[in-house]
Protein backbone atom coordinates (compact mmCIF):
# COMPACT_ATOMS: atom_id res chain seq x y z
CA MET A 1 5.52 -19.12 -6.47
CA VAL A 2 7.97 -18.63 -9.32
CA ASP A 3 7.84 -15.77 -11.82
CA TYR A 4 7.98 -17.91 -14.95
CA ARG A 5 5.70 -18.14 -17.98
CA PHE A 6 5.51 -20.65 -20.81
CA GLU A 7 3.61 -20.89 -24.08
CA ASP A 8 0.61 -23.06 -23.18
CA GLN A 9 0.18 -21.84 -19.62
CA ARG A 10 -3.43 -21.70 -18.51
CA PRO A 11 -4.84 -18.37 -17.26
CA ASP A 12 -5.45 -19.66 -13.72
CA GLU A 13 -2.25 -21.72 -13.54
CA GLU A 14 0.47 -20.75 -11.04
CA ILE A 15 4.02 -22.06 -11.40
CA ILE A 16 5.33 -23.69 -8.22
CA PHE A 17 8.84 -24.42 -9.46
CA VAL A 18 10.93 -24.78 -12.59
CA ALA A 19 13.90 -27.13 -12.31
CA LYS A 20 16.70 -28.36 -14.51
CA ARG A 21 18.74 -31.49 -14.25
CA HIS A 22 21.61 -31.47 -11.78
CA PRO A 23 24.77 -29.78 -13.17
CA TRP A 24 26.64 -33.06 -12.65
CA VAL A 25 25.14 -34.26 -15.96
CA LEU A 26 27.65 -31.91 -17.61
CA ALA A 27 30.51 -33.98 -16.16
CA ARG A 28 30.91 -35.83 -19.47
CA PHE A 29 31.92 -32.54 -21.06
CA GLY A 30 34.51 -32.04 -18.31
CA LEU A 31 35.83 -35.54 -19.00
CA ALA A 32 36.08 -34.69 -22.72
CA ILE A 33 38.20 -31.64 -21.83
CA VAL A 34 40.52 -33.75 -19.66
CA ILE A 35 40.93 -36.41 -22.38
CA SER A 36 41.57 -33.69 -24.96
CA GLY A 37 44.24 -32.15 -22.74
CA VAL A 38 45.95 -35.52 -22.35
CA LEU A 39 45.85 -36.03 -26.14
CA LEU A 40 47.41 -32.62 -26.69
CA VAL A 41 50.20 -33.28 -24.19
CA LEU A 42 50.90 -36.69 -25.75
CA SER A 43 50.90 -35.33 -29.30
CA HIS A 44 53.20 -32.48 -28.29
CA SER A 45 55.60 -34.90 -26.57
CA PHE A 46 55.72 -37.20 -29.64
CA PHE A 47 55.62 -34.65 -32.47
CA GLY A 48 56.78 -31.43 -30.81
CA PHE A 49 55.34 -28.17 -32.07
CA SER A 50 54.58 -29.29 -35.63
CA LYS A 51 51.81 -29.21 -38.21
CA VAL A 52 50.34 -32.41 -36.76
CA THR A 53 50.10 -30.84 -33.30
CA ILE A 54 48.56 -27.62 -34.65
CA ILE A 55 45.96 -29.54 -36.72
CA LEU A 56 45.15 -31.76 -33.74
CA LEU A 57 44.85 -28.69 -31.51
CA LEU A 58 42.46 -26.98 -33.93
CA LEU A 59 40.35 -30.14 -34.34
CA ILE A 60 40.09 -30.58 -30.59
CA ILE A 61 39.16 -26.92 -30.01
CA VAL A 62 36.46 -26.94 -32.71
CA SER A 63 35.10 -30.32 -31.51
CA LEU A 64 35.04 -29.21 -27.87
CA ALA A 65 33.36 -25.92 -28.74
CA PHE A 66 30.63 -27.69 -30.72
CA TYR A 67 30.19 -30.47 -28.13
CA GLY A 68 30.20 -27.93 -25.27
CA PHE A 69 27.55 -25.78 -26.96
CA LEU A 70 25.41 -28.87 -27.62
CA GLN A 71 25.69 -30.01 -24.00
CA TRP A 72 24.86 -26.52 -22.70
CA PHE A 73 21.88 -26.26 -25.09
CA ILE A 74 20.49 -29.63 -23.97
CA TYR A 75 21.08 -28.84 -20.28
CA ASN A 76 19.52 -25.38 -20.54
CA ASN A 77 16.39 -26.57 -22.40
CA TYR A 78 15.70 -29.77 -20.40
CA LEU A 79 13.09 -28.49 -17.93
CA TYR A 80 10.70 -29.72 -15.28
CA ILE A 81 7.77 -27.45 -14.49
CA LEU A 82 5.38 -27.99 -11.58
CA SER A 83 2.27 -25.85 -11.50
CA ASN A 84 -0.73 -25.92 -9.22
CA GLN A 85 -2.52 -28.05 -11.89
CA ARG A 86 0.02 -30.22 -13.71
CA ILE A 87 3.59 -31.32 -14.14
CA ILE A 88 5.36 -30.76 -17.45
CA VAL A 89 8.58 -32.47 -18.51
CA ILE A 90 10.44 -30.95 -21.47
CA GLU A 91 13.12 -33.39 -22.59
CA GLN A 92 15.69 -31.91 -24.96
CA HIS A 93 17.76 -34.60 -26.73
CA GLY A 94 19.63 -32.57 -29.36
CA PHE A 95 19.29 -29.42 -31.40
CA PHE A 96 16.24 -30.74 -33.24
CA SER A 97 14.81 -33.33 -30.87
CA ARG A 98 12.43 -32.44 -28.04
CA ARG A 99 9.77 -34.42 -26.18
CA VAL A 100 7.14 -32.84 -23.93
CA VAL A 101 5.19 -34.94 -21.44
CA GLU A 102 2.60 -33.56 -19.05
CA ALA A 103 0.26 -34.98 -16.46
CA GLU A 104 -2.54 -33.42 -14.49
CA LEU A 105 -1.78 -33.57 -10.77
CA ASP A 106 -5.05 -35.38 -10.07
CA LYS A 107 -3.91 -38.23 -12.37
CA ILE A 108 -0.68 -38.87 -10.45
CA GLN A 109 -1.10 -42.00 -8.35
CA ASN A 110 2.38 -42.59 -6.92
CA VAL A 111 5.59 -40.56 -6.60
CA SER A 112 8.80 -42.45 -5.87
CA ILE A 113 12.52 -41.67 -5.89
CA GLU A 114 15.55 -43.52 -7.24
CA VAL A 115 19.01 -42.44 -6.11
CA LYS A 116 21.52 -44.94 -7.49
CA GLY A 117 25.25 -44.72 -6.98
CA ALA A 118 27.72 -43.09 -4.67
CA MET A 119 27.99 -39.80 -6.58
CA LYS A 120 24.22 -39.30 -6.73
CA THR A 121 23.96 -40.05 -3.02
CA LEU A 122 26.84 -37.73 -2.05
CA ILE A 123 25.72 -34.81 -4.23
CA ASN A 124 22.01 -35.45 -3.57
CA PHE A 125 20.41 -35.91 -6.96
CA GLY A 126 18.40 -38.67 -8.57
CA ASP A 127 15.27 -39.60 -10.49
CA ILE A 128 11.65 -39.08 -9.52
CA LEU A 129 9.17 -41.58 -10.95
CA MET A 130 5.50 -40.67 -11.10
CA ARG A 131 2.90 -43.27 -11.95
CA THR A 132 -0.20 -41.94 -13.65
CA GLY A 133 -3.48 -43.28 -14.91
CA GLY A 134 -2.97 -41.69 -18.33
CA MET A 135 -1.41 -42.65 -21.64
CA GLU A 136 2.12 -42.18 -20.27
CA PRO A 137 2.05 -44.61 -17.30
CA VAL A 138 5.40 -43.49 -15.86
CA ILE A 139 6.79 -39.96 -16.01
CA VAL A 140 10.42 -39.59 -14.96
CA LEU A 141 12.22 -36.48 -13.77
CA LYS A 142 15.82 -37.53 -14.49
CA ASN A 143 18.82 -36.36 -12.50
CA ILE A 144 16.95 -33.76 -10.48
CA ASP A 145 18.63 -31.91 -7.64
CA ASN A 146 17.34 -32.67 -4.13
CA PRO A 147 14.77 -35.29 -5.20
CA TYR A 148 13.34 -35.76 -1.70
CA GLN A 149 12.32 -32.12 -1.42
CA VAL A 150 10.87 -32.10 -4.96
CA GLN A 151 8.94 -35.30 -4.24
CA GLN A 152 7.36 -33.70 -1.18
CA LYS A 153 6.32 -30.61 -3.18
CA ILE A 154 4.70 -32.79 -5.84
CA ILE A 155 2.86 -34.85 -3.22
CA LYS A 156 1.75 -31.67 -1.42
CA TYR A 157 0.14 -30.23 -4.55
CA CYS A 158 -1.36 -33.56 -5.60
CA LYS A 159 -2.96 -33.75 -2.16
CA LYS A 160 -4.28 -30.18 -2.47
CA ILE A 161 -5.92 -31.07 -5.80
CA SER A 162 -7.50 -34.24 -4.37
CA ASP A 163 -8.76 -32.32 -1.31
CA ILE A 164 -10.39 -29.70 -3.56
CA GLU A 165 -12.02 -32.44 -5.67
CA ARG A 166 -13.25 -34.24 -2.56
CA LYS A 167 -14.84 -31.03 -1.23
CA GLU A 168 -16.56 -30.42 -4.58
CA GLN A 169 -17.89 -34.00 -4.60
CA ASN A 170 -19.22 -33.56 -1.07
CA LYS A 171 -20.99 -30.34 -2.12
CA ASP A 172 -22.61 -32.20 -5.03
CA ILE A 173 -23.78 -35.02 -2.73
CA ILE A 174 -25.31 -32.55 -0.24
CA ARG A 175 -27.29 -30.81 -3.00
């Protein structure tokens, strides 16, 4: 079990794992740094060390700092929480945009994996799709590290919940 607490956690709820998206999702920020470096080298080669180069350098540094902080904030606050009762997906889309989806484990009907592309296959990350009987028919854990292992944990706890329910139903029938 994981030592983690969140706001609406139930008193008898134990956290199995808390996961974030794979760090590879930050690769766009790395690409922005590379492109910015190329722009700086090109501007320095055309204009030398001039006012244009200094202004461009300052604009790039401020833009990268803001974009980097935004990407870190989104990455750090995009969470997947599996407890012994439910799965919670906290999707952070910007500074002021968040979506929270949760499903009780007994409502999950199917858990499948999508690993598309060479990089996702090599680094071992992908999406987990869970079909439920609720209002949100498909819940997706996007870009999660080691999706096969996470899928097995989810299935294991869904099975535990269904076994407990089956035992309780059998007790009711016997009475």
